[in-house]
Amino acid sequence: KKDDKMDKNVKVSFNIHRKIMYGHEVCIVGSAKEFGGWNVDRAFPLKWSEGDVWKGEVEMTPGGVAEYKMLTRRIRTGGEIKHEFRRDFKRLVQLYSSGSTVQVTGEFKGLVDIRTKGGSSGKKEEKKEEAAPKPKKKGKWGALMED
């Protein structure tokens, strides 16, 4: 008998902060077919929510790594689409075990936090935040000084 959990896909959930003009949207384009296979016209669109957070969830086949980039696009009258994205900023998402959810949260042009929940083992895997080191003060000529 086949284990049902082996048949489950991985959910990839995006929560990306980006303030953009009305009429624009944030999308994910990447190597996986769910991200459009690097075709920007088939990119995965995210939905706007309060606080300029763009959200979306897609189910993908477990295992491997998917490369992606975030882009903004504006639909012009007549259906022409203008795309804007950082060509030098490719990101990766590891598609963990079946039945898990990978949460990608962060800034459009900055860092993202990736957390995994669930999965066939039933364990939650989360990054632990460590306290930031105490900042050093700058002296008269910009030299760093200890407290």
N, C-alpha and C. Protein backbone atom coordinates (compact mmCIF):
# COMPACT_ATOMS: atom_id res chain seq x y z
N LYS A 1 0.85 -1.20 0.00
CA LYS A 1 0.00 0.00 0.00
C LYS A 1 0.88 1.25 0.00
N LYS A 2 0.54 2.18 -0.86
CA LYS A 2 1.31 3.41 -1.00
C LYS A 2 0.97 4.38 0.13
N ASP A 3 1.97 5.07 0.65
CA ASP A 3 1.76 6.07 1.69
C ASP A 3 1.14 7.31 1.06
N ASP A 4 -0.03 7.75 1.56
CA ASP A 4 -0.73 8.91 1.00
C ASP A 4 0.10 10.18 1.07
N LYS A 5 0.95 10.30 2.11
CA LYS A 5 1.74 11.52 2.28
C LYS A 5 2.75 11.69 1.16
N MET A 6 3.17 10.61 0.53
CA MET A 6 4.13 10.69 -0.56
C MET A 6 3.51 11.35 -1.80
N ASP A 7 2.19 11.33 -1.90
CA ASP A 7 1.51 11.90 -3.06
C ASP A 7 1.23 13.40 -2.89
N LYS A 8 1.43 13.94 -1.70
CA LYS A 8 1.10 15.34 -1.44
C LYS A 8 2.15 16.27 -2.02
N ASN A 9 1.67 17.39 -2.51
CA ASN A 9 2.57 18.42 -3.02
C ASN A 9 3.09 19.28 -1.88
N VAL A 10 4.05 20.12 -2.20
CA VAL A 10 4.58 21.11 -1.27
C VAL A 10 3.86 22.42 -1.57
N LYS A 11 3.35 23.08 -0.54
CA LYS A 11 2.74 24.40 -0.72
C LYS A 11 3.83 25.44 -0.51
N VAL A 12 3.94 26.38 -1.44
CA VAL A 12 4.87 27.49 -1.30
C VAL A 12 4.02 28.75 -1.16
N SER A 13 4.17 29.41 -0.02
CA SER A 13 3.36 30.57 0.33
C SER A 13 4.24 31.82 0.34
N PHE A 14 3.85 32.85 -0.40
CA PHE A 14 4.60 34.10 -0.47
C PHE A 14 3.87 35.21 0.27
N ASN A 15 4.62 36.00 1.05
CA ASN A 15 4.13 37.21 1.71
C ASN A 15 5.23 38.26 1.51
N ILE A 16 5.09 39.06 0.48
CA ILE A 16 6.15 39.98 0.08
C ILE A 16 5.67 41.42 0.21
N HIS A 17 6.46 42.23 0.94
CA HIS A 17 6.11 43.64 1.13
C HIS A 17 6.67 44.45 -0.03
N ARG A 18 5.80 45.22 -0.67
CA ARG A 18 6.23 46.09 -1.78
C ARG A 18 5.14 47.12 -2.02
N LYS A 19 5.49 48.39 -1.87
CA LYS A 19 4.54 49.46 -2.16
C LYS A 19 4.73 49.86 -3.62
N ILE A 20 3.69 49.69 -4.42
CA ILE A 20 3.76 50.05 -5.83
C ILE A 20 2.52 50.84 -6.22
N MET A 21 2.57 51.45 -7.39
CA MET A 21 1.46 52.28 -7.86
C MET A 21 0.24 51.42 -8.17
N TYR A 22 -0.92 52.03 -8.05
CA TYR A 22 -2.17 51.37 -8.40
C TYR A 22 -2.11 50.93 -9.86
N GLY A 23 -2.62 49.74 -10.15
CA GLY A 23 -2.59 49.22 -11.51
C GLY A 23 -1.40 48.33 -11.79
N HIS A 24 -0.51 48.18 -10.81
CA HIS A 24 0.64 47.31 -10.92
C HIS A 24 0.40 46.08 -10.05
N GLU A 25 1.17 45.03 -10.27
CA GLU A 25 1.10 43.85 -9.42
C GLU A 25 2.48 43.23 -9.27
N VAL A 26 2.65 42.47 -8.18
CA VAL A 26 3.89 41.74 -7.93
C VAL A 26 3.68 40.30 -8.37
N CYS A 27 4.67 39.75 -9.08
CA CYS A 27 4.58 38.38 -9.59
C CYS A 27 5.87 37.63 -9.30
N ILE A 28 5.79 36.30 -9.38
CA ILE A 28 6.94 35.43 -9.23
C ILE A 28 7.17 34.74 -10.56
N VAL A 29 8.38 34.85 -11.11
CA VAL A 29 8.74 34.14 -12.34
C VAL A 29 9.95 33.27 -12.01
N GLY A 30 9.97 32.06 -12.57
CA GLY A 30 11.08 31.18 -12.23
C GLY A 30 11.17 29.93 -13.07
N SER A 31 12.02 29.02 -12.60
CA SER A 31 12.33 27.80 -13.35
C SER A 31 11.18 26.81 -13.37
N ALA A 32 10.37 26.77 -12.33
CA ALA A 32 9.27 25.81 -12.25
C ALA A 32 8.11 26.25 -13.14
N LYS A 33 7.35 25.27 -13.63
CA LYS A 33 6.20 25.61 -14.49
C LYS A 33 5.17 26.45 -13.72
N GLU A 34 5.06 26.25 -12.39
CA GLU A 34 4.13 27.03 -11.56
C GLU A 34 4.53 28.50 -11.51
N PHE A 35 5.82 28.80 -11.76
CA PHE A 35 6.32 30.18 -11.79
C PHE A 35 6.48 30.68 -13.23
N GLY A 36 5.93 29.96 -14.19
CA GLY A 36 5.94 30.40 -15.58
C GLY A 36 7.08 29.89 -16.42
N GLY A 37 7.98 29.06 -15.87
CA GLY A 37 9.10 28.54 -16.65
C GLY A 37 9.97 29.64 -17.25
N TRP A 38 10.23 30.70 -16.50
CA TRP A 38 11.00 31.90 -16.89
C TRP A 38 10.31 32.74 -17.96
N ASN A 39 9.06 32.44 -18.27
CA ASN A 39 8.29 33.26 -19.20
C ASN A 39 7.51 34.28 -18.38
N VAL A 40 7.90 35.57 -18.49
CA VAL A 40 7.28 36.60 -17.65
C VAL A 40 5.79 36.78 -17.93
N ASP A 41 5.34 36.40 -19.12
CA ASP A 41 3.92 36.51 -19.43
C ASP A 41 3.09 35.47 -18.68
N ARG A 42 3.74 34.39 -18.19
CA ARG A 42 3.04 33.35 -17.43
C ARG A 42 3.46 33.34 -15.95
N ALA A 43 4.04 34.44 -15.48
CA ALA A 43 4.49 34.53 -14.09
C ALA A 43 3.31 34.37 -13.12
N PHE A 44 3.59 33.88 -11.92
CA PHE A 44 2.58 33.65 -10.88
C PHE A 44 2.27 34.97 -10.18
N PRO A 45 1.03 35.51 -10.35
CA PRO A 45 0.70 36.80 -9.73
C PRO A 45 0.34 36.65 -8.25
N LEU A 46 0.78 37.61 -7.45
CA LEU A 46 0.41 37.66 -6.03
C LEU A 46 -0.73 38.65 -5.88
N LYS A 47 -1.51 38.52 -4.81
CA LYS A 47 -2.66 39.38 -4.55
C LYS A 47 -2.32 40.39 -3.45
N TRP A 48 -2.73 41.64 -3.67
CA TRP A 48 -2.48 42.71 -2.70
C TRP A 48 -3.31 42.48 -1.44
N SER A 49 -2.72 42.81 -0.27
CA SER A 49 -3.46 42.81 1.00
C SER A 49 -3.01 44.02 1.82
N GLU A 50 -3.72 44.27 2.91
CA GLU A 50 -3.43 45.42 3.79
C GLU A 50 -1.95 45.53 4.11
N GLY A 51 -1.46 46.75 4.15
CA GLY A 51 -0.06 46.99 4.50
C GLY A 51 0.89 46.79 3.33
N ASP A 52 0.35 46.77 2.10
CA ASP A 52 1.15 46.55 0.89
C ASP A 52 1.91 45.23 0.93
N VAL A 53 1.26 44.20 1.46
CA VAL A 53 1.83 42.85 1.46
C VAL A 53 1.15 42.07 0.35
N TRP A 54 1.95 41.50 -0.53
CA TRP A 54 1.46 40.73 -1.67
C TRP A 54 1.53 39.25 -1.31
N LYS A 55 0.41 38.55 -1.44
CA LYS A 55 0.32 37.17 -0.98
C LYS A 55 -0.10 36.22 -2.10
N GLY A 56 0.38 35.00 -1.99
CA GLY A 56 -0.03 33.96 -2.93
C GLY A 56 0.48 32.62 -2.47
N GLU A 57 -0.22 31.58 -2.86
CA GLU A 57 0.18 30.22 -2.49
C GLU A 57 0.04 29.33 -3.71
N VAL A 58 1.04 28.50 -3.94
CA VAL A 58 1.04 27.60 -5.09
C VAL A 58 1.49 26.22 -4.62
N GLU A 59 0.92 25.17 -5.21
CA GLU A 59 1.33 23.80 -4.89
C GLU A 59 2.33 23.34 -5.93
N MET A 60 3.43 22.72 -5.44
CA MET A 60 4.50 22.27 -6.32
C MET A 60 4.88 20.84 -5.98
N THR A 61 5.53 20.15 -6.92
CA THR A 61 5.99 18.79 -6.71
C THR A 61 7.14 18.80 -5.71
N PRO A 62 7.12 17.90 -4.70
CA PRO A 62 8.18 17.90 -3.68
C PRO A 62 9.53 17.47 -4.24
N GLY A 63 10.59 17.93 -3.58
CA GLY A 63 11.96 17.58 -3.94
C GLY A 63 12.57 18.59 -4.90
N GLY A 64 13.85 18.78 -4.76
CA GLY A 64 14.56 19.69 -5.66
C GLY A 64 14.52 21.14 -5.22
N VAL A 65 14.97 22.00 -6.11
CA VAL A 65 15.06 23.43 -5.83
C VAL A 65 14.42 24.17 -7.00
N ALA A 66 13.70 25.24 -6.70
CA ALA A 66 13.13 26.09 -7.75
C ALA A 66 13.81 27.46 -7.68
N GLU A 67 14.31 27.94 -8.80
CA GLU A 67 14.86 29.29 -8.87
C GLU A 67 13.73 30.24 -9.22
N TYR A 68 13.81 31.46 -8.68
CA TYR A 68 12.77 32.44 -9.00
C TYR A 68 13.28 33.86 -8.83
N LYS A 69 12.56 34.78 -9.44
CA LYS A 69 12.77 36.22 -9.25
C LYS A 69 11.41 36.85 -9.02
N MET A 70 11.40 37.96 -8.31
CA MET A 70 10.17 38.71 -8.12
C MET A 70 10.16 39.85 -9.12
N LEU A 71 9.00 40.17 -9.66
CA LEU A 71 8.89 41.26 -10.60
C LEU A 71 7.61 42.04 -10.35
N THR A 72 7.60 43.27 -10.82
CA THR A 72 6.36 44.03 -10.83
C THR A 72 5.97 44.22 -12.28
N ARG A 73 4.68 44.31 -12.52
CA ARG A 73 4.24 44.56 -13.89
C ARG A 73 3.01 45.43 -13.88
N ARG A 74 2.87 46.15 -14.97
CA ARG A 74 1.74 47.07 -15.13
C ARG A 74 1.05 46.70 -16.44
N ILE A 75 -0.26 46.56 -16.39
CA ILE A 75 -1.01 46.26 -17.59
C ILE A 75 -1.47 47.57 -18.19
N ARG A 76 -1.03 47.84 -19.41
CA ARG A 76 -1.41 49.08 -20.11
C ARG A 76 -2.70 48.84 -20.89
N THR A 77 -3.34 49.91 -21.29
CA THR A 77 -4.52 49.77 -22.14
C THR A 77 -4.09 49.12 -23.44
N GLY A 78 -4.91 48.24 -23.95
CA GLY A 78 -4.56 47.50 -25.15
C GLY A 78 -3.90 46.18 -24.82
N GLY A 79 -3.69 45.91 -23.53
CA GLY A 79 -3.16 44.62 -23.11
C GLY A 79 -1.65 44.51 -23.08
N GLU A 80 -0.91 45.57 -23.45
CA GLU A 80 0.55 45.50 -23.41
C GLU A 80 1.00 45.51 -21.95
N ILE A 81 1.94 44.64 -21.61
CA ILE A 81 2.40 44.52 -20.23
C ILE A 81 3.85 45.01 -20.14
N LYS A 82 4.13 45.86 -19.16
CA LYS A 82 5.49 46.31 -18.92
C LYS A 82 6.00 45.60 -17.65
N HIS A 83 7.17 44.98 -17.75
CA HIS A 83 7.75 44.25 -16.63
C HIS A 83 8.95 45.00 -16.07
N GLU A 84 9.12 44.93 -14.75
CA GLU A 84 10.30 45.51 -14.12
C GLU A 84 10.78 44.53 -13.06
N PHE A 85 12.01 44.05 -13.20
CA PHE A 85 12.57 43.22 -12.14
C PHE A 85 14.08 43.32 -12.15
N ARG A 86 14.69 42.92 -11.06
CA ARG A 86 16.13 42.98 -10.92
C ARG A 86 16.74 41.74 -11.56
N ARG A 87 17.34 41.90 -12.68
CA ARG A 87 17.90 40.77 -13.43
C ARG A 87 19.05 40.10 -12.69
N ASP A 88 19.70 40.80 -11.78
CA ASP A 88 20.87 40.24 -11.10
C ASP A 88 20.52 39.57 -9.76
N PHE A 89 19.25 39.40 -9.44
CA PHE A 89 18.89 38.95 -8.10
C PHE A 89 18.03 37.70 -8.18
N LYS A 90 18.66 36.56 -8.44
CA LYS A 90 17.95 35.28 -8.53
C LYS A 90 17.88 34.67 -7.14
N ARG A 91 16.73 34.10 -6.79
CA ARG A 91 16.53 33.48 -5.48
C ARG A 91 16.23 32.00 -5.66
N LEU A 92 16.36 31.24 -4.57
CA LEU A 92 16.10 29.80 -4.60
C LEU A 92 15.12 29.43 -3.50
N VAL A 93 14.28 28.44 -3.75
CA VAL A 93 13.43 27.88 -2.71
C VAL A 93 13.57 26.36 -2.78
N GLN A 94 13.91 25.76 -1.64
CA GLN A 94 14.05 24.30 -1.54
C GLN A 94 12.66 23.71 -1.34
N LEU A 95 12.28 22.76 -2.18
CA LEU A 95 10.96 22.14 -2.09
C LEU A 95 11.08 20.89 -1.22
N TYR A 96 10.82 21.07 0.06
CA TYR A 96 11.02 20.02 1.05
C TYR A 96 10.05 18.86 0.88
N SER A 97 9.95 18.05 1.91
CA SER A 97 9.14 16.82 1.86
C SER A 97 7.67 17.11 1.58
N SER A 98 7.01 16.10 1.04
CA SER A 98 5.61 16.23 0.66
C SER A 98 4.75 16.58 1.86
N GLY A 99 3.72 17.35 1.61
CA GLY A 99 2.79 17.74 2.66
C GLY A 99 3.23 18.94 3.46
N SER A 100 4.43 19.47 3.21
CA SER A 100 4.90 20.61 3.98
C SER A 100 4.50 21.93 3.31
N THR A 101 4.62 23.02 4.07
CA THR A 101 4.39 24.35 3.54
C THR A 101 5.67 25.15 3.72
N VAL A 102 6.15 25.75 2.64
CA VAL A 102 7.32 26.61 2.68
C VAL A 102 6.81 28.05 2.63
N GLN A 103 7.10 28.82 3.67
CA GLN A 103 6.65 30.21 3.74
C GLN A 103 7.81 31.14 3.40
N VAL A 104 7.61 31.99 2.40
CA VAL A 104 8.61 32.96 1.97
C VAL A 104 8.07 34.33 2.33
N THR A 105 8.71 35.01 3.28
CA THR A 105 8.23 36.29 3.79
C THR A 105 9.37 37.30 3.75
N GLY A 106 9.09 38.52 3.26
CA GLY A 106 10.13 39.54 3.28
C GLY A 106 9.86 40.69 2.36
N GLU A 107 10.94 41.35 1.95
CA GLU A 107 10.89 42.55 1.14
C GLU A 107 11.16 42.23 -0.32
N PHE A 108 10.51 42.96 -1.22
CA PHE A 108 10.69 42.77 -2.65
C PHE A 108 12.15 42.93 -3.06
N LYS A 109 12.80 43.99 -2.60
CA LYS A 109 14.19 44.26 -2.97
C LYS A 109 15.15 43.99 -1.81
N GLY A 110 14.74 43.16 -0.87
CA GLY A 110 15.60 42.90 0.28
C GLY A 110 15.60 41.44 0.66
N LEU A 111 15.85 41.20 1.94
CA LEU A 111 15.95 39.85 2.46
C LEU A 111 14.58 39.20 2.59
N VAL A 112 14.56 37.88 2.44
CA VAL A 112 13.36 37.11 2.72
C VAL A 112 13.69 36.05 3.75
N ASP A 113 12.71 35.68 4.54
CA ASP A 113 12.83 34.65 5.56
C ASP A 113 12.06 33.44 5.03
N ILE A 114 12.69 32.27 5.02
CA ILE A 114 12.05 31.06 4.52
C ILE A 114 11.90 30.09 5.68
N ARG A 115 10.67 29.67 5.93
CA ARG A 115 10.37 28.73 7.02
C ARG A 115 9.57 27.57 6.47
N THR A 116 9.77 26.40 7.06
CA THR A 116 9.04 25.20 6.65
C THR A 116 8.16 24.74 7.78
N LYS A 117 6.91 24.41 7.46
CA LYS A 117 5.97 23.89 8.46
C LYS A 117 5.38 22.60 7.93
N GLY A 118 5.12 21.67 8.85
CA GLY A 118 4.47 20.41 8.46
C GLY A 118 5.44 19.46 7.83
N GLY A 119 4.96 18.68 6.88
CA GLY A 119 5.81 17.71 6.20
C GLY A 119 5.49 16.31 6.64
N SER A 120 6.09 15.34 5.96
CA SER A 120 5.78 13.95 6.24
C SER A 120 6.26 13.51 7.62
N SER A 121 7.26 14.21 8.18
CA SER A 121 7.73 13.85 9.51
C SER A 121 6.88 14.48 10.60
N GLY A 122 6.07 15.48 10.23
CA GLY A 122 5.20 16.14 11.20
C GLY A 122 5.93 17.16 12.06
N LYS A 123 7.23 17.36 11.82
CA LYS A 123 8.01 18.31 12.61
C LYS A 123 7.88 19.71 12.04
N LYS A 124 7.97 20.70 12.92
CA LYS A 124 8.02 22.09 12.47
C LYS A 124 9.48 22.50 12.47
N GLU A 125 9.89 23.13 11.39
CA GLU A 125 11.26 23.60 11.29
C GLU A 125 11.20 25.11 11.12
N GLU A 126 11.75 25.82 12.10
CA GLU A 126 11.72 27.27 12.02
C GLU A 126 13.08 27.82 12.41
N LYS A 127 13.44 28.96 11.81
CA LYS A 127 14.68 29.63 12.17
C LYS A 127 14.47 30.33 13.51
N LYS A 128 15.49 30.26 14.36
CA LYS A 128 15.41 30.96 15.65
C LYS A 128 16.16 32.27 15.52
N GLU A 129 15.52 33.34 15.99
CA GLU A 129 16.15 34.66 15.96
C GLU A 129 17.10 34.77 17.14
N GLU A 130 18.31 35.26 16.90
CA GLU A 130 19.25 35.51 17.99
C GLU A 130 19.29 37.00 18.26
N ALA A 131 19.59 37.34 19.50
CA ALA A 131 19.67 38.76 19.85
C ALA A 131 20.82 39.39 19.08
N ALA A 132 20.57 40.56 18.54
CA ALA A 132 21.61 41.26 17.78
C ALA A 132 22.67 41.77 18.74
N PRO A 133 23.95 41.77 18.33
CA PRO A 133 24.99 42.30 19.21
C PRO A 133 24.77 43.79 19.46
N LYS A 134 25.22 44.23 20.63
CA LYS A 134 25.05 45.63 21.00
C LYS A 134 25.84 46.50 20.03
N PRO A 135 25.21 47.53 19.45
CA PRO A 135 25.93 48.37 18.49
C PRO A 135 27.04 49.16 19.16
N LYS A 136 28.13 49.37 18.40
CA LYS A 136 29.24 50.16 18.93
C LYS A 136 29.01 51.62 18.59
N LYS A 137 29.51 52.50 19.43
CA LYS A 137 29.36 53.93 19.21
C LYS A 137 30.52 54.44 18.36
N LYS A 138 30.24 55.47 17.57
CA LYS A 138 31.29 56.08 16.77
C LYS A 138 31.86 57.26 17.52
N GLY A 139 33.19 57.38 17.50
CA GLY A 139 33.88 58.50 18.14
C GLY A 139 33.88 59.72 17.25
N LYS A 140 34.66 60.72 17.65
CA LYS A 140 34.70 62.00 16.95
C LYS A 140 35.07 61.86 15.48
N TRP A 141 36.02 60.99 15.14
CA TRP A 141 36.50 60.86 13.77
C TRP A 141 35.96 59.60 13.09
N GLY A 142 34.86 59.05 13.59
CA GLY A 142 34.23 57.90 12.97
C GLY A 142 34.79 56.56 13.43
N ALA A 143 35.75 56.59 14.39
CA ALA A 143 36.32 55.34 14.88
C ALA A 143 35.30 54.66 15.79
N LEU A 144 35.24 53.33 15.75
CA LEU A 144 34.31 52.57 16.60
C LEU A 144 34.88 52.47 18.00
N MET A 145 34.01 52.66 19.00
CA MET A 145 34.41 52.59 20.40
C MET A 145 33.52 51.60 21.13
N GLU A 146 34.06 50.88 22.10
CA GLU A 146 33.28 49.98 22.96
C GLU A 146 32.62 50.80 24.06
N ASP A 147 31.50 50.31 24.59
CA ASP A 147 30.85 50.95 25.75
C ASP A 147 31.64 50.70 27.00
